[in-house]
mmCIF file of all heavy atoms, coordinates in Angstrom:
data_MODEL
# 
_entry.id   MODEL 
# 
loop_
_atom_site.group_PDB 
_atom_site.id 
_atom_site.type_symbol 
_atom_site.label_atom_id 
_atom_site.label_alt_id 
_atom_site.label_comp_id 
_atom_site.label_asym_id 
_atom_site.label_entity_id 
_atom_site.label_seq_id 
_atom_site.pdbx_PDB_ins_code 
_atom_site.Cartn_x 
_atom_site.Cartn_y 
_atom_site.Cartn_z 
_atom_site.occupancy 
_atom_site.B_iso_or_equiv 
_atom_site.pdbx_formal_charge 
_atom_site.auth_seq_id 
_atom_site.auth_comp_id 
_atom_site.auth_asym_id 
_atom_site.auth_atom_id 
_atom_site.pdbx_PDB_model_num 
ATOM 1   N N   . VAL A 1 1  ? 54.482 95.731  65.484 1.00 0.00 ? 1  VAL A N   1 
ATOM 2   C CA  . VAL A 1 1  ? 54.925 97.128  65.414 1.00 0.00 ? 1  VAL A CA  1 
ATOM 3   C C   . VAL A 1 1  ? 56.402 97.180  65.050 1.00 0.00 ? 1  VAL A C   1 
ATOM 4   O O   . VAL A 1 1  ? 56.814 97.945  64.164 1.00 0.00 ? 1  VAL A O   1 
ATOM 5   C CB  . VAL A 1 1  ? 54.649 97.870  66.741 1.00 0.00 ? 1  VAL A CB  1 
ATOM 6   C CG1 . VAL A 1 1  ? 55.365 99.211  66.767 1.00 0.00 ? 1  VAL A CG1 1 
ATOM 7   C CG2 . VAL A 1 1  ? 53.157 98.066  66.945 1.00 0.00 ? 1  VAL A CG2 1 
ATOM 8   N N   . LYS A 1 2  ? 57.238 96.378  65.701 1.00 0.00 ? 2  LYS A N   1 
ATOM 9   C CA  . LYS A 1 2  ? 58.678 96.368  65.400 1.00 0.00 ? 2  LYS A CA  1 
ATOM 10  C C   . LYS A 1 2  ? 58.932 95.982  63.950 1.00 0.00 ? 2  LYS A C   1 
ATOM 11  O O   . LYS A 1 2  ? 59.755 96.592  63.269 1.00 0.00 ? 2  LYS A O   1 
ATOM 12  C CB  . LYS A 1 2  ? 59.405 95.396  66.334 1.00 0.00 ? 2  LYS A CB  1 
ATOM 13  C CG  . LYS A 1 2  ? 59.500 95.876  67.746 1.00 0.00 ? 2  LYS A CG  1 
ATOM 14  C CD  . LYS A 1 2  ? 60.160 94.817  68.615 1.00 0.00 ? 2  LYS A CD  1 
ATOM 15  C CE  . LYS A 1 2  ? 60.030 95.175  70.087 1.00 0.00 ? 2  LYS A CE  1 
ATOM 16  N NZ  . LYS A 1 2  ? 60.509 94.089  70.952 1.00 0.00 ? 2  LYS A NZ  1 
ATOM 17  N N   . GLU A 1 3  ? 58.245 94.951  63.481 1.00 0.00 ? 3  GLU A N   1 
ATOM 18  C CA  . GLU A 1 3  ? 58.449 94.464  62.114 1.00 0.00 ? 3  GLU A CA  1 
ATOM 19  C C   . GLU A 1 3  ? 57.994 95.488  61.072 1.00 0.00 ? 3  GLU A C   1 
ATOM 20  O O   . GLU A 1 3  ? 58.715 95.764  60.113 1.00 0.00 ? 3  GLU A O   1 
ATOM 21  C CB  . GLU A 1 3  ? 57.692 93.150  61.915 1.00 0.00 ? 3  GLU A CB  1 
ATOM 22  C CG  . GLU A 1 3  ? 57.892 92.518  60.571 1.00 0.00 ? 3  GLU A CG  1 
ATOM 23  C CD  . GLU A 1 3  ? 59.286 91.962  60.350 1.00 0.00 ? 3  GLU A CD  1 
ATOM 24  O OE1 . GLU A 1 3  ? 59.990 91.677  61.341 1.00 0.00 ? 3  GLU A OE1 1 
ATOM 25  O OE2 . GLU A 1 3  ? 59.679 91.826  59.175 1.00 0.00 ? 3  GLU A OE2 1 
ATOM 26  N N   . VAL A 1 4  ? 56.824 96.067  61.262 1.00 0.00 ? 4  VAL A N   1 
ATOM 27  C CA  . VAL A 1 4  ? 56.308 97.048  60.296 1.00 0.00 ? 4  VAL A CA  1 
ATOM 28  C C   . VAL A 1 4  ? 57.213 98.277  60.259 1.00 0.00 ? 4  VAL A C   1 
ATOM 29  O O   . VAL A 1 4  ? 57.568 98.771  59.187 1.00 0.00 ? 4  VAL A O   1 
ATOM 30  C CB  . VAL A 1 4  ? 54.850 97.430  60.620 1.00 0.00 ? 4  VAL A CB  1 
ATOM 31  C CG1 . VAL A 1 4  ? 54.391 98.618  59.796 1.00 0.00 ? 4  VAL A CG1 1 
ATOM 32  C CG2 . VAL A 1 4  ? 53.931 96.235  60.390 1.00 0.00 ? 4  VAL A CG2 1 
ATOM 33  N N   . LYS A 1 5  ? 57.606 98.785  61.428 1.00 0.00 ? 5  LYS A N   1 
ATOM 34  C CA  . LYS A 1 5  ? 58.489 99.958  61.467 1.00 0.00 ? 5  LYS A CA  1 
ATOM 35  C C   . LYS A 1 5  ? 59.805 99.674  60.760 1.00 0.00 ? 5  LYS A C   1 
ATOM 36  O O   . LYS A 1 5  ? 60.281 100.481 59.954 1.00 0.00 ? 5  LYS A O   1 
ATOM 37  C CB  . LYS A 1 5  ? 58.740 100.388 62.912 1.00 0.00 ? 5  LYS A CB  1 
ATOM 38  C CG  . LYS A 1 5  ? 57.555 101.091 63.550 1.00 0.00 ? 5  LYS A CG  1 
ATOM 39  C CD  . LYS A 1 5  ? 57.870 101.574 64.947 1.00 0.00 ? 5  LYS A CD  1 
ATOM 40  C CE  . LYS A 1 5  ? 58.949 102.588 64.895 1.00 0.00 ? 5  LYS A CE  1 
ATOM 41  N NZ  . LYS A 1 5  ? 58.846 103.717 65.778 1.00 0.00 ? 5  LYS A NZ  1 
ATOM 42  N N   . ALA A 1 6  ? 60.401 98.525  61.034 1.00 0.00 ? 6  ALA A N   1 
ATOM 43  C CA  . ALA A 1 6  ? 61.689 98.180  60.424 1.00 0.00 ? 6  ALA A CA  1 
ATOM 44  C C   . ALA A 1 6  ? 61.560 98.097  58.903 1.00 0.00 ? 6  ALA A C   1 
ATOM 45  O O   . ALA A 1 6  ? 62.405 98.630  58.167 1.00 0.00 ? 6  ALA A O   1 
ATOM 46  C CB  . ALA A 1 6  ? 62.200 96.864  60.994 1.00 0.00 ? 6  ALA A CB  1 
ATOM 47  N N   . ARG A 1 7  ? 60.525 97.446  58.423 1.00 0.00 ? 7  ARG A N   1 
ATOM 48  C CA  . ARG A 1 7  ? 60.348 97.297  56.974 1.00 0.00 ? 7  ARG A CA  1 
ATOM 49  C C   . ARG A 1 7  ? 60.056 98.629  56.300 1.00 0.00 ? 7  ARG A C   1 
ATOM 50  O O   . ARG A 1 7  ? 60.583 98.926  55.226 1.00 0.00 ? 7  ARG A O   1 
ATOM 51  C CB  . ARG A 1 7  ? 59.235 96.316  56.673 1.00 0.00 ? 7  ARG A CB  1 
ATOM 52  C CG  . ARG A 1 7  ? 59.622 94.886  56.956 1.00 0.00 ? 7  ARG A CG  1 
ATOM 53  C CD  . ARG A 1 7  ? 58.464 93.950  56.700 1.00 0.00 ? 7  ARG A CD  1 
ATOM 54  N NE  . ARG A 1 7  ? 58.803 92.599  57.005 1.00 0.00 ? 7  ARG A NE  1 
ATOM 55  C CZ  . ARG A 1 7  ? 59.037 91.662  56.090 1.00 0.00 ? 7  ARG A CZ  1 
ATOM 56  N NH1 . ARG A 1 7  ? 58.972 91.955  54.810 1.00 0.00 ? 7  ARG A NH1 1 
ATOM 57  N NH2 . ARG A 1 7  ? 59.335 90.435  56.452 1.00 0.00 ? 7  ARG A NH2 1 
ATOM 58  N N   . MET A 1 8  ? 59.210 99.440  56.906 1.00 0.00 ? 8  MET A N   1 
ATOM 59  C CA  . MET A 1 8  ? 58.842 100.710 56.277 1.00 0.00 ? 8  MET A CA  1 
ATOM 60  C C   . MET A 1 8  ? 59.997 101.709 56.310 1.00 0.00 ? 8  MET A C   1 
ATOM 61  O O   . MET A 1 8  ? 60.210 102.448 55.358 1.00 0.00 ? 8  MET A O   1 
ATOM 62  C CB  . MET A 1 8  ? 57.597 101.292 56.937 1.00 0.00 ? 8  MET A CB  1 
ATOM 63  C CG  . MET A 1 8  ? 56.358 100.470 56.642 1.00 0.00 ? 8  MET A CG  1 
ATOM 64  S SD  . MET A 1 8  ? 54.864 101.206 57.277 1.00 0.00 ? 8  MET A SD  1 
ATOM 65  C CE  . MET A 1 8  ? 54.698 102.592 56.181 1.00 0.00 ? 8  MET A CE  1 
ATOM 66  N N   . GLU A 1 9  ? 60.748 101.741 57.399 1.00 0.00 ? 9  GLU A N   1 
ATOM 67  C CA  . GLU A 1 9  ? 61.855 102.692 57.503 1.00 0.00 ? 9  GLU A CA  1 
ATOM 68  C C   . GLU A 1 9  ? 63.021 102.320 56.596 1.00 0.00 ? 9  GLU A C   1 
ATOM 69  O O   . GLU A 1 9  ? 63.849 103.169 56.273 1.00 0.00 ? 9  GLU A O   1 
ATOM 70  C CB  . GLU A 1 9  ? 62.316 102.815 58.956 1.00 0.00 ? 9  GLU A CB  1 
ATOM 71  C CG  . GLU A 1 9  ? 61.302 103.542 59.805 1.00 0.00 ? 9  GLU A CG  1 
ATOM 72  C CD  . GLU A 1 9  ? 61.661 103.671 61.267 1.00 0.00 ? 9  GLU A CD  1 
ATOM 73  O OE1 . GLU A 1 9  ? 62.531 102.933 61.756 1.00 0.00 ? 9  GLU A OE1 1 
ATOM 74  O OE2 . GLU A 1 9  ? 61.047 104.528 61.933 1.00 0.00 ? 9  GLU A OE2 1 
ATOM 75  N N   . SER A 1 10 ? 63.080 101.074 56.156 1.00 0.00 ? 10 SER A N   1 
ATOM 76  C CA  . SER A 1 10 ? 64.159 100.665 55.252 1.00 0.00 ? 10 SER A CA  1 
ATOM 77  C C   . SER A 1 10 ? 63.644 100.428 53.837 1.00 0.00 ? 10 SER A C   1 
ATOM 78  O O   . SER A 1 10 ? 64.346 99.853  53.002 1.00 0.00 ? 10 SER A O   1 
ATOM 79  C CB  . SER A 1 10 ? 64.832 99.398  55.789 1.00 0.00 ? 10 SER A CB  1 
ATOM 80  O OG  . SER A 1 10 ? 63.928 98.312  55.794 1.00 0.00 ? 10 SER A OG  1 
ATOM 81  N N   . ALA A 1 11 ? 62.450 100.891 53.530 1.00 0.00 ? 11 ALA A N   1 
ATOM 82  C CA  . ALA A 1 11 ? 61.834 100.653 52.216 1.00 0.00 ? 11 ALA A CA  1 
ATOM 83  C C   . ALA A 1 11 ? 62.545 101.388 51.085 1.00 0.00 ? 11 ALA A C   1 
ATOM 84  O O   . ALA A 1 11 ? 62.514 100.949 49.944 1.00 0.00 ? 11 ALA A O   1 
ATOM 85  C CB  . ALA A 1 11 ? 60.364 101.055 52.240 1.00 0.00 ? 11 ALA A CB  1 
ATOM 86  N N   . ALA A 1 12 ? 63.190 102.489 51.392 1.00 0.00 ? 12 ALA A N   1 
ATOM 87  C CA  . ALA A 1 12 ? 63.887 103.267 50.370 1.00 0.00 ? 12 ALA A CA  1 
ATOM 88  C C   . ALA A 1 12 ? 65.092 103.945 51.003 1.00 0.00 ? 12 ALA A C   1 
ATOM 89  O O   . ALA A 1 12 ? 65.083 104.263 52.191 1.00 0.00 ? 12 ALA A O   1 
ATOM 90  C CB  . ALA A 1 12 ? 62.960 104.317 49.770 1.00 0.00 ? 12 ALA A CB  1 
ATOM 91  N N   . GLU A 1 13 ? 66.106 104.166 50.198 1.00 0.00 ? 13 GLU A N   1 
ATOM 92  C CA  . GLU A 1 13 ? 67.292 104.869 50.674 1.00 0.00 ? 13 GLU A CA  1 
ATOM 93  C C   . GLU A 1 13 ? 67.206 106.310 50.181 1.00 0.00 ? 13 GLU A C   1 
ATOM 94  O O   . GLU A 1 13 ? 67.275 106.569 48.974 1.00 0.00 ? 13 GLU A O   1 
ATOM 95  C CB  . GLU A 1 13 ? 68.539 104.188 50.133 1.00 0.00 ? 13 GLU A CB  1 
ATOM 96  C CG  . GLU A 1 13 ? 69.769 104.492 50.946 1.00 0.00 ? 13 GLU A CG  1 
ATOM 97  C CD  . GLU A 1 13 ? 70.930 103.598 50.562 1.00 0.00 ? 13 GLU A CD  1 
ATOM 98  O OE1 . GLU A 1 13 ? 70.759 102.373 50.574 1.00 0.00 ? 13 GLU A OE1 1 
ATOM 99  O OE2 . GLU A 1 13 ? 71.990 104.165 50.248 1.00 0.00 ? 13 GLU A OE2 1 
ATOM 100 N N   . LEU A 1 14 ? 67.007 107.227 51.109 1.00 0.00 ? 14 LEU A N   1 
ATOM 101 C CA  . LEU A 1 14 ? 66.823 108.638 50.778 1.00 0.00 ? 14 LEU A CA  1 
ATOM 102 C C   . LEU A 1 14 ? 67.872 109.492 51.478 1.00 0.00 ? 14 LEU A C   1 
ATOM 103 O O   . LEU A 1 14 ? 68.547 109.022 52.405 1.00 0.00 ? 14 LEU A O   1 
ATOM 104 C CB  . LEU A 1 14 ? 65.422 109.093 51.201 1.00 0.00 ? 14 LEU A CB  1 
ATOM 105 C CG  . LEU A 1 14 ? 64.245 108.294 50.639 1.00 0.00 ? 14 LEU A CG  1 
ATOM 106 C CD1 . LEU A 1 14 ? 62.959 108.743 51.292 1.00 0.00 ? 14 LEU A CD1 1 
ATOM 107 C CD2 . LEU A 1 14 ? 64.174 108.438 49.131 1.00 0.00 ? 14 LEU A CD2 1 
ATOM 108 N N   . LYS A 1 15 ? 67.945 110.745 51.096 1.00 0.00 ? 15 LYS A N   1 
ATOM 109 C CA  . LYS A 1 15 ? 68.859 111.670 51.776 1.00 0.00 ? 15 LYS A CA  1 
ATOM 110 C C   . LYS A 1 15 ? 68.343 112.067 53.150 1.00 0.00 ? 15 LYS A C   1 
ATOM 111 O O   . LYS A 1 15 ? 69.091 112.543 53.986 1.00 0.00 ? 15 LYS A O   1 
ATOM 112 C CB  . LYS A 1 15 ? 69.081 112.917 50.928 1.00 0.00 ? 15 LYS A CB  1 
ATOM 113 C CG  . LYS A 1 15 ? 69.860 112.634 49.663 1.00 0.00 ? 15 LYS A CG  1 
ATOM 114 C CD  . LYS A 1 15 ? 70.093 113.902 48.879 1.00 0.00 ? 15 LYS A CD  1 
ATOM 115 C CE  . LYS A 1 15 ? 70.873 113.592 47.617 1.00 0.00 ? 15 LYS A CE  1 
ATOM 116 N NZ  . LYS A 1 15 ? 71.156 114.789 46.826 1.00 0.00 ? 15 LYS A NZ  1 
ATOM 117 N N   . VAL A 1 16 ? 67.070 111.914 53.361 1.00 0.00 ? 16 VAL A N   1 
ATOM 118 C CA  . VAL A 1 16 ? 66.456 112.189 54.666 1.00 0.00 ? 16 VAL A CA  1 
ATOM 119 C C   . VAL A 1 16 ? 65.906 110.870 55.211 1.00 0.00 ? 16 VAL A C   1 
ATOM 120 O O   . VAL A 1 16 ? 65.547 109.974 54.448 1.00 0.00 ? 16 VAL A O   1 
ATOM 121 C CB  . VAL A 1 16 ? 65.320 113.229 54.567 1.00 0.00 ? 16 VAL A CB  1 
ATOM 122 C CG1 . VAL A 1 16 ? 65.857 114.580 54.130 1.00 0.00 ? 16 VAL A CG1 1 
ATOM 123 C CG2 . VAL A 1 16 ? 64.242 112.760 53.619 1.00 0.00 ? 16 VAL A CG2 1 
ATOM 124 N N   . PRO A 1 17 ? 65.851 110.730 56.515 1.00 0.00 ? 17 PRO A N   1 
ATOM 125 C CA  . PRO A 1 17 ? 65.377 109.455 57.068 1.00 0.00 ? 17 PRO A CA  1 
ATOM 126 C C   . PRO A 1 17 ? 63.871 109.273 56.906 1.00 0.00 ? 17 PRO A C   1 
ATOM 127 O O   . PRO A 1 17 ? 63.112 110.241 56.927 1.00 0.00 ? 17 PRO A O   1 
ATOM 128 C CB  . PRO A 1 17 ? 65.735 109.568 58.551 1.00 0.00 ? 17 PRO A CB  1 
ATOM 129 C CG  . PRO A 1 17 ? 65.786 111.030 58.825 1.00 0.00 ? 17 PRO A CG  1 
ATOM 130 C CD  . PRO A 1 17 ? 66.256 111.672 57.552 1.00 0.00 ? 17 PRO A CD  1 
ATOM 131 N N   . LEU A 1 18 ? 63.468 108.040 56.705 1.00 0.00 ? 18 LEU A N   1 
ATOM 132 C CA  . LEU A 1 18 ? 62.051 107.690 56.753 1.00 0.00 ? 18 LEU A CA  1 
ATOM 133 C C   . LEU A 1 18 ? 61.738 107.391 58.211 1.00 0.00 ? 18 LEU A C   1 
ATOM 134 O O   . LEU A 1 18 ? 62.381 106.540 58.825 1.00 0.00 ? 18 LEU A O   1 
ATOM 135 C CB  . LEU A 1 18 ? 61.767 106.449 55.913 1.00 0.00 ? 18 LEU A CB  1 
ATOM 136 C CG  . LEU A 1 18 ? 61.805 106.617 54.410 1.00 0.00 ? 18 LEU A CG  1 
ATOM 137 C CD1 . LEU A 1 18 ? 61.705 105.265 53.725 1.00 0.00 ? 18 LEU A CD1 1 
ATOM 138 C CD2 . LEU A 1 18 ? 60.672 107.505 53.955 1.00 0.00 ? 18 LEU A CD2 1 
ATOM 139 N N   . ILE A 1 19 ? 60.800 108.095 58.764 1.00 0.00 ? 19 ILE A N   1 
ATOM 140 C CA  . ILE A 1 19 ? 60.453 107.915 60.167 1.00 0.00 ? 19 ILE A CA  1 
ATOM 141 C C   . ILE A 1 19 ? 59.030 107.399 60.252 1.00 0.00 ? 19 ILE A C   1 
ATOM 142 O O   . ILE A 1 19 ? 58.116 107.979 59.670 1.00 0.00 ? 19 ILE A O   1 
ATOM 143 C CB  . ILE A 1 19 ? 60.588 109.242 60.952 1.00 0.00 ? 19 ILE A CB  1 
ATOM 144 C CG1 . ILE A 1 19 ? 62.032 109.728 60.875 1.00 0.00 ? 19 ILE A CG1 1 
ATOM 145 C CG2 . ILE A 1 19 ? 60.147 109.059 62.393 1.00 0.00 ? 19 ILE A CG2 1 
ATOM 146 C CD1 . ILE A 1 19 ? 62.246 111.115 61.407 1.00 0.00 ? 19 ILE A CD1 1 
ATOM 147 N N   . VAL A 1 20 ? 58.856 106.322 60.977 1.00 0.00 ? 20 VAL A N   1 
ATOM 148 C CA  . VAL A 1 20 ? 57.556 105.689 61.112 1.00 0.00 ? 20 VAL A CA  1 
ATOM 149 C C   . VAL A 1 20 ? 57.094 105.807 62.557 1.00 0.00 ? 20 VAL A C   1 
ATOM 150 O O   . VAL A 1 20 ? 57.837 105.471 63.477 1.00 0.00 ? 20 VAL A O   1 
ATOM 151 C CB  . VAL A 1 20 ? 57.626 104.199 60.696 1.00 0.00 ? 20 VAL A CB  1 
ATOM 152 C CG1 . VAL A 1 20 ? 56.298 103.512 60.947 1.00 0.00 ? 20 VAL A CG1 1 
ATOM 153 C CG2 . VAL A 1 20 ? 58.039 104.076 59.246 1.00 0.00 ? 20 VAL A CG2 1 
ATOM 154 N N   . ASP A 1 21 ? 55.901 106.302 62.762 1.00 0.00 ? 21 ASP A N   1 
ATOM 155 C CA  . ASP A 1 21 ? 55.276 106.340 64.077 1.00 0.00 ? 21 ASP A CA  1 
ATOM 156 C C   . ASP A 1 21 ? 54.202 105.266 64.117 1.00 0.00 ? 21 ASP A C   1 
ATOM 157 O O   . ASP A 1 21 ? 53.542 105.005 63.105 1.00 0.00 ? 21 ASP A O   1 
ATOM 158 C CB  . ASP A 1 21 ? 54.615 107.703 64.348 1.00 0.00 ? 21 ASP A CB  1 
ATOM 159 C CG  . ASP A 1 21 ? 55.626 108.818 64.497 1.00 0.00 ? 21 ASP A CG  1 
ATOM 160 O OD1 . ASP A 1 21 ? 56.671 108.580 65.123 1.00 0.00 ? 21 ASP A OD1 1 
ATOM 161 O OD2 . ASP A 1 21 ? 55.358 109.917 63.991 1.00 0.00 ? 21 ASP A OD2 1 
ATOM 162 N N   . ALA A 1 22 ? 54.024 104.685 65.277 1.00 0.00 ? 22 ALA A N   1 
ATOM 163 C CA  . ALA A 1 22 ? 52.984 103.657 65.422 1.00 0.00 ? 22 ALA A CA  1 
ATOM 164 C C   . ALA A 1 22 ? 52.163 103.964 66.667 1.00 0.00 ? 22 ALA A C   1 
ATOM 165 O O   . ALA A 1 22 ? 52.708 104.356 67.700 1.00 0.00 ? 22 ALA A O   1 
ATOM 166 C CB  . ALA A 1 22 ? 53.607 102.278 65.534 1.00 0.00 ? 22 ALA A CB  1 
ATOM 167 N N   . GLY A 1 23 ? 50.876 103.801 66.535 1.00 0.00 ? 23 GLY A N   1 
ATOM 168 C CA  . GLY A 1 23 ? 49.980 103.970 67.668 1.00 0.00 ? 23 GLY A CA  1 
ATOM 169 C C   . GLY A 1 23 ? 49.135 102.720 67.814 1.00 0.00 ? 23 GLY A C   1 
ATOM 170 O O   . GLY A 1 23 ? 48.853 102.035 66.835 1.00 0.00 ? 23 GLY A O   1 
ATOM 171 N N   . VAL A 1 24 ? 48.762 102.427 69.036 1.00 0.00 ? 24 VAL A N   1 
ATOM 172 C CA  . VAL A 1 24 ? 47.977 101.222 69.307 1.00 0.00 ? 24 VAL A CA  1 
ATOM 173 C C   . VAL A 1 24 ? 46.758 101.612 70.120 1.00 0.00 ? 24 VAL A C   1 
ATOM 174 O O   . VAL A 1 24 ? 46.861 102.399 71.070 1.00 0.00 ? 24 VAL A O   1 
ATOM 175 C CB  . VAL A 1 24 ? 48.811 100.177 70.089 1.00 0.00 ? 24 VAL A CB  1 
ATOM 176 C CG1 . VAL A 1 24 ? 47.992 98.964  70.432 1.00 0.00 ? 24 VAL A CG1 1 
ATOM 177 C CG2 . VAL A 1 24 ? 50.052 99.802  69.303 1.00 0.00 ? 24 VAL A CG2 1 
# 
């Protein structure tokens, strides 16, 4: 979960944040 969130939230540099939610 930590790794996927970190990679997805930093996948692109945008004016708005990329926010990733994870459920298990």
